[in-house]
Structures are given as structure tokens and as C-alpha cells.
N, C-alpha and C. Protein backbone atom coordinates (compact mmCIF):
# COMPACT_ATOMS: atom_id res chain seq x y z
N MET A 1 73.62 140.60 101.48
CA MET A 1 72.70 139.50 101.66
C MET A 1 72.58 139.53 103.11
N ASN A 2 71.24 139.42 103.66
CA ASN A 2 71.24 139.35 105.11
C ASN A 2 71.37 137.75 105.39
N ALA A 3 71.38 137.18 106.54
CA ALA A 3 71.24 136.05 107.32
C ALA A 3 69.63 135.31 106.89
N ARG A 4 68.90 135.77 106.58
CA ARG A 4 67.50 135.35 106.22
C ARG A 4 67.63 135.04 104.70
N GLU A 5 67.97 135.96 104.04
CA GLU A 5 68.16 135.73 102.59
C GLU A 5 69.17 134.56 102.11
N LEU A 6 70.24 134.57 103.28
CA LEU A 6 70.95 133.52 103.04
C LEU A 6 70.63 132.15 103.30
N ALA A 7 69.87 132.28 104.21
CA ALA A 7 69.21 130.87 104.84
C ALA A 7 68.06 130.52 103.70
N LEU A 8 67.52 131.32 103.11
CA LEU A 8 66.59 130.84 101.87
C LEU A 8 66.84 130.25 100.79
N ARG A 9 68.48 130.96 100.49
CA ARG A 9 69.14 130.68 99.26
C ARG A 9 69.65 129.16 99.71
N LEU A 10 70.09 128.89 100.87
CA LEU A 10 70.73 127.57 101.07
C LEU A 10 69.66 126.63 101.13
N ALA A 11 68.33 126.94 101.75
CA ALA A 11 67.35 126.07 101.72
C ALA A 11 66.88 125.26 100.27
N VAL A 12 66.67 126.70 99.34
CA VAL A 12 66.39 126.27 98.05
C VAL A 12 67.46 125.47 97.26
N HIS A 13 68.75 125.65 97.63
CA HIS A 13 69.64 125.14 96.95
C HIS A 13 69.94 123.38 97.51
N LYS A 14 69.77 123.33 98.57
CA LYS A 14 69.78 122.26 99.18
C LYS A 14 68.46 121.35 98.66
N ALA A 15 67.24 121.84 98.58
CA ALA A 15 66.12 121.22 97.97
C ALA A 15 66.15 120.71 96.43
N LEU A 16 66.81 121.85 95.46
CA LEU A 16 67.27 121.37 94.51
C LEU A 16 68.43 120.37 94.26
N THR A 17 69.22 120.43 95.02
CA THR A 17 70.31 119.49 94.86
C THR A 17 69.63 118.16 95.24
N ASP A 18 68.99 118.00 96.22
CA ASP A 18 68.47 116.83 96.64
C ASP A 18 67.49 115.96 95.57
N GLN A 19 66.77 116.77 94.90
CA GLN A 19 65.74 116.47 93.98
C GLN A 19 66.82 116.42 92.82
N LEU A 20 67.90 116.80 92.38
CA LEU A 20 68.77 116.76 91.28
C LEU A 20 69.44 115.32 91.32
N LYS A 21 69.95 115.02 92.63
CA LYS A 21 70.35 113.75 92.81
C LYS A 21 69.53 112.62 92.73
N LYS A 22 68.22 112.44 93.06
CA LYS A 22 67.67 111.67 92.90
C LYS A 22 67.08 111.57 91.60
N VAL A 23 67.01 112.46 90.62
CA VAL A 23 66.81 112.59 89.32
C VAL A 23 67.86 111.75 88.52
N ARG A 24 69.42 112.15 88.96
CA ARG A 24 70.26 111.38 88.54
C ARG A 24 70.69 110.23 88.63
N SER A 25 70.19 109.98 89.84
CA SER A 25 70.15 108.32 90.23
C SER A 25 69.02 107.52 89.17
N GLN A 26 67.85 107.98 88.67
CA GLN A 26 66.94 107.62 87.95
C GLN A 26 67.56 107.64 86.63
N LEU A 27 68.19 108.59 85.95
CA LEU A 27 68.64 108.68 84.73
C LEU A 27 69.71 107.44 84.77
N ASN A 28 70.75 107.45 85.96
CA ASN A 28 71.84 106.43 85.68
C ASN A 28 71.06 105.03 85.41
N GLU A 29 70.17 104.58 85.91
CA GLU A 29 69.37 103.27 86.27
C GLU A 29 69.04 103.18 84.56
N GLU A 30 68.42 104.21 83.89
CA GLU A 30 67.73 104.19 82.67
C GLU A 30 69.04 104.13 81.84
N ALA A 31 70.26 104.87 81.89
CA ALA A 31 71.14 104.50 81.12
C ALA A 31 71.71 102.95 81.07
N ARG A 32 71.81 102.61 82.14
CA ARG A 32 72.02 101.01 82.25
C ARG A 32 71.64 100.30 81.67
N ARG A 33 70.16 100.62 81.53
CA ARG A 33 68.98 99.79 80.63
C ARG A 33 69.15 100.06 79.08
N GLU A 34 69.39 101.16 78.88
CA GLU A 34 69.52 101.52 77.54
C GLU A 34 71.02 101.26 76.82
N MET A 35 71.90 101.50 77.71
CA MET A 35 73.36 101.53 77.38
C MET A 35 74.31 100.12 77.67
N GLU A 36 74.98 99.91 76.65
CA GLU A 36 76.20 98.78 76.82
C GLU A 36 77.24 99.52 77.44
N PRO A 37 78.09 98.78 78.20
CA PRO A 37 79.38 99.27 78.50
C PRO A 37 80.26 99.45 77.33
N GLY A 38 80.90 100.58 77.14
CA GLY A 38 81.59 101.20 75.77
C GLY A 38 80.69 101.76 75.08
N ASP A 39 79.75 101.87 74.88
CA ASP A 39 78.83 102.98 74.12
C ASP A 39 79.00 104.29 74.77
N ARG A 40 78.98 105.15 73.64
CA ARG A 40 79.38 106.64 73.97
C ARG A 40 78.25 107.33 73.03
N VAL A 41 77.78 108.17 73.61
CA VAL A 41 76.57 109.06 72.96
C VAL A 41 77.01 110.62 73.05
N THR A 42 76.89 111.34 72.11
CA THR A 42 77.04 112.73 72.21
C THR A 42 76.09 113.47 72.79
N ALA A 43 76.14 114.56 73.52
CA ALA A 43 74.82 114.99 74.25
C ALA A 43 75.08 116.49 73.25
N LYS A 44 73.81 116.82 72.76
CA LYS A 44 73.46 118.19 72.05
C LYS A 44 72.64 118.83 72.35
N LEU A 45 72.40 120.03 72.41
CA LEU A 45 71.19 121.06 72.69
C LEU A 45 70.43 120.94 71.67
N PRO A 46 69.18 121.23 71.78
CA PRO A 46 68.05 121.38 70.59
C PRO A 46 69.00 122.06 69.38
N SER A 47 69.51 123.06 69.81
CA SER A 47 70.09 123.92 68.71
C SER A 47 71.28 123.06 68.04
N GLY A 48 71.42 121.98 68.67
CA GLY A 48 72.74 121.21 67.86
C GLY A 48 73.95 121.39 68.44
N GLU A 49 74.30 122.31 69.18
CA GLU A 49 75.54 122.44 69.66
C GLU A 49 75.72 121.43 70.74
N ARG A 50 76.99 120.90 70.41
CA ARG A 50 77.61 119.68 71.20
C ARG A 50 77.81 120.17 72.49
N VAL A 51 77.48 119.77 73.83
CA VAL A 51 77.62 120.17 75.20
C VAL A 51 78.52 118.96 76.05
N GLY A 52 78.68 117.79 75.41
CA GLY A 52 79.47 116.78 76.21
C GLY A 52 79.24 115.37 75.64
N SER A 53 79.19 114.29 76.26
CA SER A 53 79.16 113.10 75.74
C SER A 53 79.14 112.22 77.14
N VAL A 54 78.03 111.20 77.00
CA VAL A 54 77.90 110.28 77.99
C VAL A 54 78.79 108.90 77.63
N THR A 55 79.46 108.05 78.31
CA THR A 55 79.92 106.82 77.77
C THR A 55 79.70 105.87 79.18
N MET A 56 79.13 104.83 78.75
CA MET A 56 78.85 103.43 79.80
C MET A 56 79.87 102.98 80.31
N ALA A 57 80.52 103.55 81.12
CA ALA A 57 81.92 102.77 81.64
C ALA A 57 81.69 101.49 82.21
N GLN A 58 82.68 100.44 82.50
CA GLN A 58 82.75 99.35 82.85
C GLN A 58 82.36 99.53 84.33
N GLY A 59 82.09 98.43 85.07
CA GLY A 59 81.99 98.65 86.38
C GLY A 59 83.20 98.03 87.11
N ARG A 60 83.72 98.91 88.17
CA ARG A 60 85.19 98.58 88.74
C ARG A 60 85.15 97.14 89.24
N VAL A 61 86.33 96.74 89.07
CA VAL A 61 86.33 95.16 89.63
C VAL A 61 87.01 95.57 90.94
N THR A 62 86.58 94.82 92.22
CA THR A 62 87.29 95.38 93.23
C THR A 62 87.32 93.85 93.94
N ALA A 63 88.39 93.89 94.89
CA ALA A 63 88.61 92.56 95.96
C ALA A 63 88.55 93.22 97.40
N ARG A 64 87.77 92.28 98.01
CA ARG A 64 87.81 93.14 99.33
C ARG A 64 87.61 91.63 100.26
N VAL A 65 88.18 91.71 101.73
CA VAL A 65 88.17 90.87 102.52
C VAL A 65 86.64 90.60 103.04
N VAL A 66 86.11 89.26 102.92
CA VAL A 66 84.61 88.95 103.28
C VAL A 66 84.72 88.04 104.74
N ASP A 67 85.72 87.54 104.79
CA ASP A 67 86.12 86.75 106.00
C ASP A 67 87.26 87.23 106.63
N GLU A 68 87.28 88.08 107.43
CA GLU A 68 88.36 88.49 108.09
C GLU A 68 89.26 87.16 108.73
N ARG A 69 88.61 86.08 109.61
CA ARG A 69 89.30 85.40 110.09
C ARG A 69 90.07 84.45 109.28
N ALA A 70 89.65 84.23 108.18
CA ALA A 70 89.99 83.08 107.17
C ALA A 70 91.15 84.04 106.35
N PHE A 71 91.16 85.15 106.10
CA PHE A 71 92.31 85.95 105.70
C PHE A 71 93.43 86.03 106.34
N THR A 72 93.08 86.32 107.74
CA THR A 72 94.08 86.30 108.69
C THR A 72 94.89 85.11 108.72
N ALA A 73 94.17 83.92 108.87
CA ALA A 73 94.89 82.71 109.07
C ALA A 73 95.69 82.37 107.81
N TRP A 74 95.20 82.72 106.65
CA TRP A 74 95.70 82.33 105.22
C TRP A 74 97.01 83.47 105.28
N VAL A 75 97.13 84.44 105.63
CA VAL A 75 98.28 85.44 105.83
C VAL A 75 99.20 85.02 106.97
N ALA A 76 98.73 84.47 108.06
CA ALA A 76 99.98 84.14 109.09
C ALA A 76 100.46 82.79 109.21
N GLU A 77 99.64 81.76 108.02
CA GLU A 77 100.29 80.54 107.61
C GLU A 77 101.41 80.78 106.55
N ARG A 78 101.13 81.73 105.89
CA ARG A 78 102.08 81.82 104.66
C ARG A 78 103.40 82.90 105.10
N PHE A 79 102.72 84.06 105.47
CA PHE A 79 103.29 85.41 105.78
C PHE A 79 103.09 85.70 107.22
N PRO A 80 103.70 85.08 108.32
CA PRO A 80 103.71 85.41 109.72
C PRO A 80 104.08 86.87 110.25
N ALA A 81 105.49 87.22 109.24
CA ALA A 81 105.63 88.89 109.78
C ALA A 81 104.96 89.76 109.40
N GLU A 82 103.80 89.66 108.35
CA GLU A 82 102.81 90.22 108.22
C GLU A 82 101.49 90.62 108.87
N VAL A 83 101.39 89.67 110.19
CA VAL A 83 100.21 89.45 110.93
C VAL A 83 101.11 90.00 112.36
N VAL A 84 100.07 91.30 112.81
CA VAL A 84 100.37 91.77 114.04
C VAL A 84 98.95 91.99 114.64
N GLN A 85 98.28 91.00 115.15
CA GLN A 85 97.21 91.28 115.67
C GLN A 85 96.29 91.04 114.49
N VAL A 86 96.30 91.92 113.37
CA VAL A 86 95.53 91.79 112.16
C VAL A 86 96.72 92.12 111.06
N VAL A 87 96.09 91.72 109.88
CA VAL A 87 96.99 91.85 108.79
C VAL A 87 97.08 93.09 108.70
N ARG A 88 98.20 93.73 108.31
CA ARG A 88 98.61 95.23 107.86
C ARG A 88 98.15 95.18 106.77
N GLU A 89 97.41 96.86 107.01
CA GLU A 89 96.84 97.51 105.78
C GLU A 89 97.76 97.29 104.46
N SER A 90 98.78 97.88 104.60
CA SER A 90 99.70 97.58 103.35
C SER A 90 99.84 96.32 102.66
N PHE A 91 100.08 95.24 103.38
CA PHE A 91 100.20 94.19 102.88
C PHE A 91 98.62 93.53 102.24
N ALA A 92 97.59 93.80 103.23
CA ALA A 92 96.23 93.53 102.99
C ALA A 92 96.11 94.03 101.40
N LYS A 93 96.47 95.57 101.11
CA LYS A 93 96.15 95.89 100.02
C LYS A 93 96.74 94.98 98.69
N THR A 94 98.10 94.84 99.00
CA THR A 94 99.07 93.99 98.03
C THR A 94 98.40 92.74 97.62
N VAL A 95 97.82 92.14 98.84
CA VAL A 95 97.09 90.51 98.40
C VAL A 95 95.57 91.09 97.49
N LEU A 96 94.97 92.13 98.00
CA LEU A 96 93.59 92.43 97.46
C LEU A 96 94.23 92.83 95.80
N ASP A 97 95.28 93.79 95.65
CA ASP A 97 95.15 93.92 94.64
C ASP A 97 95.78 92.74 93.56
N ALA A 98 96.32 91.86 94.15
CA ALA A 98 96.94 90.56 93.63
C ALA A 98 96.00 89.70 93.13
N VAL A 99 94.94 89.86 94.03
CA VAL A 99 94.01 88.72 93.75
C VAL A 99 92.96 89.24 92.93
N LYS A 100 92.47 90.73 92.69
CA LYS A 100 91.91 91.45 91.74
C LYS A 100 92.45 91.32 90.43
N ARG A 101 93.89 91.14 90.39
CA ARG A 101 94.45 91.36 89.06
C ARG A 101 94.46 89.75 88.23
N ASP A 102 94.97 89.08 89.64
CA ASP A 102 95.39 87.70 89.02
C ASP A 102 94.33 86.46 89.27
N GLY A 103 93.38 86.73 90.17
CA GLY A 103 92.21 85.83 90.65
C GLY A 103 92.76 85.08 91.74
N GLY A 104 93.78 85.39 92.24
CA GLY A 104 94.52 84.74 93.26
C GLY A 104 95.70 85.10 93.77
N TRP A 105 96.24 84.46 94.74
CA TRP A 105 97.84 84.95 95.20
C TRP A 105 98.65 84.18 94.25
N VAL A 106 99.75 84.39 93.39
CA VAL A 106 100.87 83.76 92.80
C VAL A 106 101.98 83.55 93.70
N ASP A 107 102.18 82.28 94.17
CA ASP A 107 103.26 81.67 95.00
C ASP A 107 104.39 81.84 94.14
N LYS A 108 105.12 82.46 94.71
CA LYS A 108 106.39 83.17 93.81
C LYS A 108 107.47 81.53 93.83
N ALA A 109 107.54 81.10 95.01
CA ALA A 109 108.33 79.87 95.38
C ALA A 109 107.91 78.79 93.97
N THR A 110 106.46 78.57 93.90
CA THR A 110 105.96 77.28 92.76
C THR A 110 105.47 77.90 91.73
N GLY A 111 105.14 79.28 91.41
CA GLY A 111 104.14 79.69 90.43
C GLY A 111 102.73 79.28 90.54
N GLU A 112 102.20 78.94 91.56
CA GLU A 112 101.04 78.34 91.82
C GLU A 112 99.85 79.55 92.09
N LEU A 113 98.69 79.40 91.48
CA LEU A 113 97.93 80.41 91.90
C LEU A 113 97.04 80.02 92.89
N VAL A 114 97.25 80.38 94.31
CA VAL A 114 96.45 80.18 95.27
C VAL A 114 95.36 81.08 95.51
N GLN A 115 94.28 80.32 95.81
CA GLN A 115 92.92 81.02 96.32
C GLN A 115 93.24 81.51 97.58
N VAL A 116 92.89 82.79 97.81
CA VAL A 116 92.92 83.37 99.28
C VAL A 116 92.03 83.16 99.90
N PRO A 117 91.59 82.51 101.24
CA PRO A 117 90.38 82.59 101.74
C PRO A 117 90.12 84.05 102.27
N GLY A 118 88.55 84.03 102.36
CA GLY A 118 88.10 85.20 102.80
C GLY A 118 88.21 86.38 101.93
N VAL A 119 88.66 86.11 100.92
CA VAL A 119 88.62 87.56 99.89
C VAL A 119 87.54 87.15 98.46
N ALA A 120 86.82 88.06 98.36
CA ALA A 120 86.24 88.03 97.21
C ALA A 120 86.32 89.03 96.05
N VAL A 121 86.23 88.93 94.85
CA VAL A 121 86.22 89.84 93.75
C VAL A 121 85.20 89.87 93.16
N ALA A 122 84.54 91.01 92.97
CA ALA A 122 83.35 91.54 92.56
C ALA A 122 83.61 92.53 91.43
N GLU A 123 82.56 92.48 90.29
CA GLU A 123 82.60 93.78 89.51
C GLU A 123 81.22 94.77 89.68
N ASP A 124 81.36 95.79 89.95
CA ASP A 124 80.36 96.77 90.27
C ASP A 124 79.64 96.92 88.68
N ASP A 125 78.47 97.54 88.78
CA ASP A 125 77.37 97.26 87.83
C ASP A 125 78.39 98.72 87.04
N PRO A 126 78.08 98.79 85.42
CA PRO A 126 78.14 99.95 84.91
C PRO A 126 77.76 100.82 85.35
N TYR A 127 78.44 102.20 84.75
CA TYR A 127 77.68 103.51 85.14
C TYR A 127 78.01 104.19 83.98
N PRO A 128 77.27 105.62 84.04
CA PRO A 128 77.25 106.26 82.90
C PRO A 128 78.29 107.29 83.66
N SER A 129 79.26 107.93 82.51
CA SER A 129 80.24 108.64 82.69
C SER A 129 80.08 110.03 81.92
N VAL A 130 79.78 111.12 82.40
CA VAL A 130 79.20 112.06 81.49
C VAL A 130 80.31 113.16 81.58
N ARG A 131 80.83 113.56 80.61
CA ARG A 131 82.30 114.45 80.16
C ARG A 131 81.54 115.70 79.37
N LEU A 132 81.49 116.85 79.94
CA LEU A 132 81.24 118.51 79.44
C LEU A 132 82.35 118.73 78.56
N THR A 133 81.94 119.63 77.42
CA THR A 133 82.76 120.33 76.81
C THR A 133 82.94 121.30 77.58
N LYS A 134 84.19 122.12 76.96
CA LYS A 134 84.64 123.35 77.51
C LYS A 134 83.74 124.35 77.72
N ASP A 135 82.77 124.50 77.14
CA ASP A 135 82.36 125.55 76.55
C ASP A 135 80.61 125.13 77.14
N ALA A 136 80.18 123.76 77.61
CA ALA A 136 79.03 123.39 78.31
C ALA A 136 78.54 124.18 78.93
N PRO A 137 78.84 124.53 80.26
CA PRO A 137 78.11 125.42 81.15
C PRO A 137 77.33 126.75 80.46
N GLN A 138 78.42 127.45 79.52
CA GLN A 138 77.88 128.72 79.23
C GLN A 138 76.90 128.41 78.12
N LEU A 139 77.04 127.27 77.10
CA LEU A 139 75.91 126.88 76.24
C LEU A 139 74.56 126.55 76.89
N ILE A 140 74.66 125.82 78.03
CA ILE A 140 73.64 125.27 78.66
C ILE A 140 72.89 126.41 79.17
N ALA A 141 73.61 127.37 79.93
CA ALA A 141 73.12 128.67 80.53
C ALA A 141 72.26 129.52 79.33
N GLU A 142 72.97 129.42 78.30
CA GLU A 142 72.43 130.15 77.02
C GLU A 142 71.00 129.56 76.74
N ALA A 143 71.23 128.13 76.47
CA ALA A 143 69.88 127.68 76.05
C ALA A 143 68.85 127.30 77.12
N TRP A 144 69.14 127.78 78.16
CA TRP A 144 68.21 127.81 79.76
C TRP A 144 67.41 129.00 79.44
N GLN A 145 68.37 130.17 79.44
CA GLN A 145 67.57 131.62 79.18
C GLN A 145 66.80 131.50 77.67
N ARG A 146 67.24 130.96 76.66
CA ARG A 146 66.30 130.89 75.50
C ARG A 146 65.20 130.08 75.93
N GLY A 147 64.72 129.41 76.79
CA GLY A 147 63.75 128.30 77.21
C GLY A 147 64.00 126.80 76.65
N GLU A 148 64.99 126.64 76.24
CA GLU A 148 65.11 125.53 75.15
C GLU A 148 65.01 124.41 75.92
N LEU A 149 65.61 124.53 77.33
CA LEU A 149 65.73 123.49 78.12
C LEU A 149 64.34 122.82 79.44
N ALA A 150 63.17 123.83 79.07
CA ALA A 150 62.30 123.58 80.11
C ALA A 150 61.62 122.09 79.86
N GLU A 151 61.52 121.35 78.90
CA GLU A 151 60.99 120.20 78.77
C GLU A 151 61.74 118.99 79.44
N LEU A 152 63.43 119.40 79.37
CA LEU A 152 64.28 118.44 79.97
C LEU A 152 64.29 118.36 81.55
N VAL A 153 64.09 119.77 81.96
CA VAL A 153 64.51 120.23 83.49
C VAL A 153 63.20 120.02 84.23
N GLY A 154 61.94 120.59 83.35
CA GLY A 154 60.73 120.67 84.22
C GLY A 154 60.31 119.58 85.09
N GLY A 155 60.56 118.55 84.35
CA GLY A 155 59.94 117.50 85.38
C GLY A 155 60.58 117.32 86.84
N VAL A 156 61.83 117.94 86.88
CA VAL A 156 62.69 117.83 88.29
C VAL A 156 62.14 118.67 89.15
N LEU A 157 61.36 119.81 88.78
CA LEU A 157 60.81 120.69 89.82
C LEU A 157 59.33 120.46 90.24
N GLN A 158 58.73 119.54 89.41
CA GLN A 158 57.21 119.60 89.78
C GLN A 158 57.16 118.64 91.31
N SER A 159 56.01 119.34 91.80
CA SER A 159 56.00 118.96 93.22
C SER A 159 55.18 117.62 93.04
N ARG A 160 55.36 116.77 94.51
CA ARG A 160 54.91 115.32 94.64
C ARG A 160 53.30 115.70 94.25
N GLU A 161 52.87 116.71 94.89
CA GLU A 161 51.28 116.81 94.72
C GLU A 161 50.73 116.81 93.52
N LEU A 162 51.66 117.61 92.66
CA LEU A 162 51.09 117.95 91.15
C LEU A 162 51.32 116.41 90.52
N GLU A 163 52.38 115.88 90.61
CA GLU A 163 52.80 114.85 90.27
C GLU A 163 51.29 113.63 90.21
N ALA A 164 51.16 113.78 91.77
CA ALA A 164 49.86 112.87 92.19
C ALA A 164 48.50 113.24 91.71
N GLY A 165 48.49 114.49 90.95
CA GLY A 165 47.21 114.94 90.54
C GLY A 165 46.43 115.44 91.68
N GLU A 166 47.06 115.95 92.80
CA GLU A 166 46.41 116.46 93.51
C GLU A 166 46.11 118.02 93.39
N GLY A 167 46.98 118.85 92.66
CA GLY A 167 47.28 120.04 92.83
C GLY A 167 46.01 120.62 91.45
N SER A 168 45.89 122.03 91.81
CA SER A 168 45.14 122.28 90.95
C SER A 168 45.61 123.05 89.54
């Protein structure tokens, strides 16, 4: 393969990858509308062969510092050895993990659950998790070669002009 052929292949792969990412994002949004967290649906080819499953996973719960100044002041008051101009990353992770798990910092001396200033807990949106069977790539390739997936994949490759009705 010469450089010109390689450049064409790379350009085509990039265009297809970009379009597939866009379509995947749209499919994920549709899955969020159609499925509830915990739902699991088997993916089957038109021939009935199982190629995987899609599960609507729970959104991740994360804790993050949203007010650095308030968080640093809280740590400095309770754990001054952990503050060196900024809160040490390892201790910040410990605090964030505790807030995510417990809803705050549990004071070991009193057992009191203390709210940590400047830290917020959020839960991401649920998201579809796709798991393929071991033989899915081969089965999908064979179904593609038989022309069974054109309706599923065809829309991905339509040009914007054709979608807008400008093509002939």
C-alpha cells in the first residue's frame, strides 16, 4: 500500500468513525428514553443468532470538590497536617470517597456525620452497556456479507444532502 492509498483509508476510517460516534450517541440517548436502569435486552441478528446484550447501567455516583477554598478550610481546621498549600491528592481522594459512600465525613472521635464544605455528590445519567458474545464479530460480519444489516447500518452512511432531500 502506498502513502496515497493509506491516506485515503485513514480518511475514510476517520469519517466513518466520526459518524458512528455521532450515531452511537443518539442511540445511547434513545436507550435512556426506552430503558430503565437494570433493564437487559438480548441483541439478536435477523437470523436469530445471539450476538450480545445491552444493559442499562446505573449512573455512577461521584463526589468532587466544587469549592476548593471551602474544602481546603475544612481540611485545614480538622486535619492541618494534610494541608500543604493545597489538600494532598491522596487525602482529598479519601475524603471524596467517604463523602460518596457515607454522605459526609464520619468523625472517628464522635461518630458524627459531618458535611464537608465545598464537596458535592452527583449521580451521572444511566448509560447503556453493550456486551458482545465471543463470536459476535464473526456472526455480524457474516450477516453483513449476506446483506441482512443494511437497514440497521444504512442510515449511518447517508450523506447530509440526501437526508435533506437535496440529492437526486
